[in-house]
């Protein structure tokens, strides 16, 4: 597998941007210089991430999300969970 990460990635299996192999391997994410571990989805080119809005769920049982905008940086994690 290459270290090239997609422009957009989601953790929801119903999303067209879902990639199980990449998520299993692990990725790191930073928004405006602050590391985030609670992102549901990200888009580098548009400069946003989606995070869950507490424990609130929509009528389909999926978490409600907030879109946070800024500079998005992503990198692959190695086996130990740290930056490679």
N, C-alpha and C. Protein backbone atom coordinates (compact mmCIF):
# COMPACT_ATOMS: atom_id res chain seq x y z
N UNK A 1 0.85 -1.18 0.00
CA UNK A 1 0.00 0.00 0.00
C UNK A 1 0.89 1.24 0.00
N UNK A 2 0.49 2.26 -0.73
CA UNK A 2 1.28 3.48 -0.79
C UNK A 2 0.93 4.37 0.40
N UNK A 3 1.75 5.37 0.63
CA UNK A 3 1.48 6.32 1.71
C UNK A 3 0.63 7.49 1.22
N UNK A 4 0.12 7.43 0.01
CA UNK A 4 -0.74 8.48 -0.54
C UNK A 4 -2.13 8.31 0.05
N UNK A 5 -2.59 9.31 0.76
CA UNK A 5 -3.92 9.25 1.38
C UNK A 5 -4.94 9.95 0.49
N UNK A 6 -6.19 9.52 0.53
CA UNK A 6 -7.22 10.14 -0.31
C UNK A 6 -7.55 11.56 0.17
N UNK A 7 -8.07 12.36 -0.76
CA UNK A 7 -8.47 13.73 -0.45
C UNK A 7 -9.63 13.73 0.54
N UNK A 8 -10.46 12.72 0.47
CA UNK A 8 -11.64 12.65 1.34
C UNK A 8 -11.79 11.23 1.87
N UNK A 9 -12.12 11.10 3.16
CA UNK A 9 -12.26 9.79 3.78
C UNK A 9 -13.32 9.87 4.88
N UNK A 10 -14.14 8.82 5.00
CA UNK A 10 -15.18 8.77 6.02
C UNK A 10 -15.11 7.44 6.77
N UNK A 11 -15.56 7.42 8.02
CA UNK A 11 -15.58 6.18 8.80
C UNK A 11 -16.92 5.46 8.70
N UNK A 12 -17.91 6.06 8.05
CA UNK A 12 -19.23 5.46 7.89
C UNK A 12 -19.20 4.46 6.73
N UNK A 13 -19.48 3.17 6.98
CA UNK A 13 -19.44 2.17 5.91
C UNK A 13 -20.43 2.44 4.77
N UNK A 14 -21.47 3.23 5.00
CA UNK A 14 -22.45 3.55 3.95
C UNK A 14 -21.97 4.67 3.03
N UNK A 15 -20.89 5.34 3.38
CA UNK A 15 -20.38 6.46 2.60
C UNK A 15 -19.57 5.97 1.40
N UNK A 16 -19.65 6.68 0.27
CA UNK A 16 -18.81 6.31 -0.87
C UNK A 16 -17.32 6.60 -0.62
N UNK A 17 -17.00 7.33 0.43
CA UNK A 17 -15.63 7.69 0.76
C UNK A 17 -15.03 6.79 1.84
N UNK A 18 -15.69 5.69 2.14
CA UNK A 18 -15.24 4.74 3.16
C UNK A 18 -14.16 3.82 2.57
N UNK A 19 -13.08 3.58 3.33
CA UNK A 19 -12.01 2.67 2.90
C UNK A 19 -11.56 1.88 4.13
N UNK A 20 -12.09 0.67 4.27
CA UNK A 20 -11.83 -0.14 5.46
C UNK A 20 -10.34 -0.45 5.65
N UNK A 21 -9.65 -0.80 4.56
CA UNK A 21 -8.23 -1.16 4.66
C UNK A 21 -7.41 0.01 5.20
N UNK A 22 -7.67 1.20 4.72
CA UNK A 22 -6.94 2.38 5.17
C UNK A 22 -7.27 2.72 6.62
N UNK A 23 -8.53 2.60 7.00
CA UNK A 23 -8.92 2.91 8.37
C UNK A 23 -8.35 1.89 9.35
N UNK A 24 -8.25 0.64 8.94
CA UNK A 24 -7.67 -0.39 9.79
C UNK A 24 -6.20 -0.10 10.05
N UNK A 25 -5.51 0.34 9.02
CA UNK A 25 -4.08 0.68 9.15
C UNK A 25 -3.89 1.88 10.06
N UNK A 26 -4.78 2.86 9.95
CA UNK A 26 -4.73 4.04 10.82
C UNK A 26 -4.21 5.27 10.13
N UNK A 27 -4.80 6.40 10.45
CA UNK A 27 -4.35 7.69 9.93
C UNK A 27 -4.38 8.70 11.07
N UNK A 28 -3.50 9.69 10.98
CA UNK A 28 -3.51 10.80 11.91
C UNK A 28 -4.13 12.00 11.23
N UNK A 29 -4.77 12.87 11.98
CA UNK A 29 -5.45 14.03 11.41
C UNK A 29 -5.22 15.25 12.28
N UNK A 30 -4.96 16.37 11.65
CA UNK A 30 -4.75 17.63 12.35
C UNK A 30 -5.59 18.70 11.67
N UNK A 31 -6.31 19.50 12.45
CA UNK A 31 -7.09 20.63 11.95
C UNK A 31 -6.55 21.89 12.59
N UNK A 32 -6.06 22.80 11.77
CA UNK A 32 -5.48 24.06 12.25
C UNK A 32 -4.39 23.82 13.29
N UNK A 33 -3.57 22.78 13.07
CA UNK A 33 -2.46 22.50 13.96
C UNK A 33 -2.81 21.70 15.21
N UNK A 34 -4.09 21.39 15.41
CA UNK A 34 -4.52 20.64 16.60
C UNK A 34 -4.91 19.22 16.19
N UNK A 35 -4.30 18.23 16.80
CA UNK A 35 -4.57 16.84 16.45
C UNK A 35 -5.99 16.46 16.89
N UNK A 36 -6.70 15.78 16.00
CA UNK A 36 -8.08 15.36 16.28
C UNK A 36 -8.17 13.84 16.21
N UNK A 37 -8.88 13.25 17.16
CA UNK A 37 -9.07 11.80 17.16
C UNK A 37 -10.55 11.44 17.03
N UNK A 38 -11.42 12.44 16.92
CA UNK A 38 -12.85 12.19 16.90
C UNK A 38 -13.52 12.54 15.57
N UNK A 39 -12.75 12.61 14.49
CA UNK A 39 -13.31 12.99 13.19
C UNK A 39 -14.09 11.83 12.58
N UNK A 40 -15.26 12.13 12.04
CA UNK A 40 -16.09 11.16 11.33
C UNK A 40 -15.74 11.15 9.84
N UNK A 41 -15.31 12.30 9.31
CA UNK A 41 -15.00 12.43 7.89
C UNK A 41 -14.11 13.65 7.72
N UNK A 42 -13.31 13.66 6.65
CA UNK A 42 -12.49 14.83 6.35
C UNK A 42 -12.41 15.05 4.85
N UNK A 43 -12.12 16.29 4.45
CA UNK A 43 -11.86 16.64 3.06
C UNK A 43 -10.73 17.66 3.06
N UNK A 44 -9.58 17.27 2.50
CA UNK A 44 -8.41 18.15 2.50
C UNK A 44 -8.61 19.34 1.56
N UNK A 45 -9.07 19.09 0.33
CA UNK A 45 -9.17 20.15 -0.67
C UNK A 45 -10.19 21.22 -0.29
N UNK A 46 -11.27 20.84 0.38
CA UNK A 46 -12.29 21.80 0.80
C UNK A 46 -12.01 22.37 2.18
N UNK A 47 -11.07 21.78 2.94
CA UNK A 47 -10.66 22.30 4.23
C UNK A 47 -11.67 22.14 5.35
N UNK A 48 -12.18 20.93 5.55
CA UNK A 48 -13.13 20.69 6.65
C UNK A 48 -13.02 19.27 7.17
N UNK A 49 -13.51 19.10 8.41
CA UNK A 49 -13.70 17.78 9.00
C UNK A 49 -15.08 17.77 9.64
N UNK A 50 -15.63 16.59 9.83
CA UNK A 50 -16.91 16.44 10.53
C UNK A 50 -16.64 15.68 11.82
N UNK A 51 -17.19 16.21 12.91
CA UNK A 51 -17.06 15.57 14.22
C UNK A 51 -18.46 15.35 14.79
N UNK A 52 -18.62 14.34 15.61
CA UNK A 52 -19.91 14.02 16.22
C UNK A 52 -20.31 15.14 17.19
N UNK A 53 -21.60 15.46 17.18
CA UNK A 53 -22.16 16.49 18.06
C UNK A 53 -22.68 15.82 19.33
N UNK A 54 -21.78 15.47 20.22
CA UNK A 54 -22.16 14.79 21.45
C UNK A 54 -22.65 13.38 21.17
N UNK A 55 -23.68 12.96 21.90
CA UNK A 55 -24.22 11.61 21.72
C UNK A 55 -25.53 11.63 20.94
N UNK A 56 -25.86 12.76 20.34
CA UNK A 56 -27.10 12.92 19.62
C UNK A 56 -27.08 12.11 18.33
N UNK A 57 -28.18 11.40 18.06
CA UNK A 57 -28.30 10.58 16.86
C UNK A 57 -29.43 11.10 15.98
N UNK A 58 -29.31 10.88 14.67
CA UNK A 58 -30.40 11.24 13.77
C UNK A 58 -31.43 10.11 13.75
N UNK A 59 -32.46 10.22 12.94
CA UNK A 59 -33.53 9.22 12.96
C UNK A 59 -33.11 7.87 12.39
N UNK A 60 -31.96 7.83 11.72
CA UNK A 60 -31.43 6.57 11.20
C UNK A 60 -30.42 5.94 12.15
N UNK A 61 -30.19 6.58 13.31
CA UNK A 61 -29.27 6.04 14.31
C UNK A 61 -27.82 6.42 14.12
N UNK A 62 -27.55 7.35 13.21
CA UNK A 62 -26.17 7.80 12.96
C UNK A 62 -25.93 9.09 13.75
N UNK A 63 -24.70 9.34 14.16
CA UNK A 63 -24.43 10.55 14.95
C UNK A 63 -24.63 11.83 14.13
N UNK A 64 -25.19 12.84 14.77
CA UNK A 64 -25.27 14.15 14.15
C UNK A 64 -23.86 14.74 14.18
N UNK A 65 -23.49 15.46 13.13
CA UNK A 65 -22.13 15.96 13.03
C UNK A 65 -22.09 17.47 12.84
N UNK A 66 -20.96 18.03 13.23
CA UNK A 66 -20.67 19.45 13.01
C UNK A 66 -19.51 19.53 12.02
N UNK A 67 -19.56 20.50 11.13
CA UNK A 67 -18.47 20.69 10.18
C UNK A 67 -17.56 21.78 10.73
N UNK A 68 -16.29 21.43 10.91
CA UNK A 68 -15.28 22.37 11.36
C UNK A 68 -14.37 22.69 10.18
N UNK A 69 -14.13 23.98 9.93
CA UNK A 69 -13.33 24.37 8.77
C UNK A 69 -11.96 24.85 9.18
N UNK A 70 -10.99 24.64 8.29
CA UNK A 70 -9.62 25.08 8.54
C UNK A 70 -8.65 24.30 7.68
N UNK A 71 -7.39 24.33 8.07
CA UNK A 71 -6.34 23.61 7.35
C UNK A 71 -6.29 22.17 7.85
N UNK A 72 -6.50 21.24 6.93
CA UNK A 72 -6.55 19.81 7.27
C UNK A 72 -5.25 19.15 6.82
N UNK A 73 -4.61 18.43 7.75
CA UNK A 73 -3.41 17.65 7.46
C UNK A 73 -3.67 16.21 7.88
N UNK A 74 -3.30 15.25 7.03
CA UNK A 74 -3.43 13.83 7.36
C UNK A 74 -2.13 13.10 7.06
N UNK A 75 -1.88 12.02 7.79
CA UNK A 75 -0.69 11.21 7.57
C UNK A 75 -0.99 9.78 7.99
N UNK A 76 -0.32 8.81 7.36
CA UNK A 76 -0.53 7.41 7.74
C UNK A 76 0.15 7.10 9.06
N UNK A 77 -0.43 6.23 9.85
CA UNK A 77 0.17 5.77 11.09
C UNK A 77 0.81 4.41 10.83
N UNK A 78 1.88 4.14 11.56
CA UNK A 78 2.49 2.80 11.42
C UNK A 78 1.82 1.84 12.38
N UNK A 79 2.33 0.65 12.51
CA UNK A 79 1.72 -0.41 13.32
C UNK A 79 1.55 -0.02 14.78
N UNK A 80 2.44 0.79 15.33
CA UNK A 80 2.37 1.13 16.75
C UNK A 80 1.42 2.30 17.04
N UNK A 81 0.81 2.90 15.98
CA UNK A 81 -0.12 3.99 16.18
C UNK A 81 0.53 5.35 16.18
N UNK A 82 1.82 5.45 15.81
CA UNK A 82 2.47 6.75 15.75
C UNK A 82 2.77 7.09 14.30
N UNK A 83 3.15 8.33 14.07
CA UNK A 83 3.45 8.79 12.72
C UNK A 83 4.62 8.01 12.14
N UNK A 84 4.49 7.69 10.85
CA UNK A 84 5.57 6.92 10.22
C UNK A 84 6.61 7.81 9.57
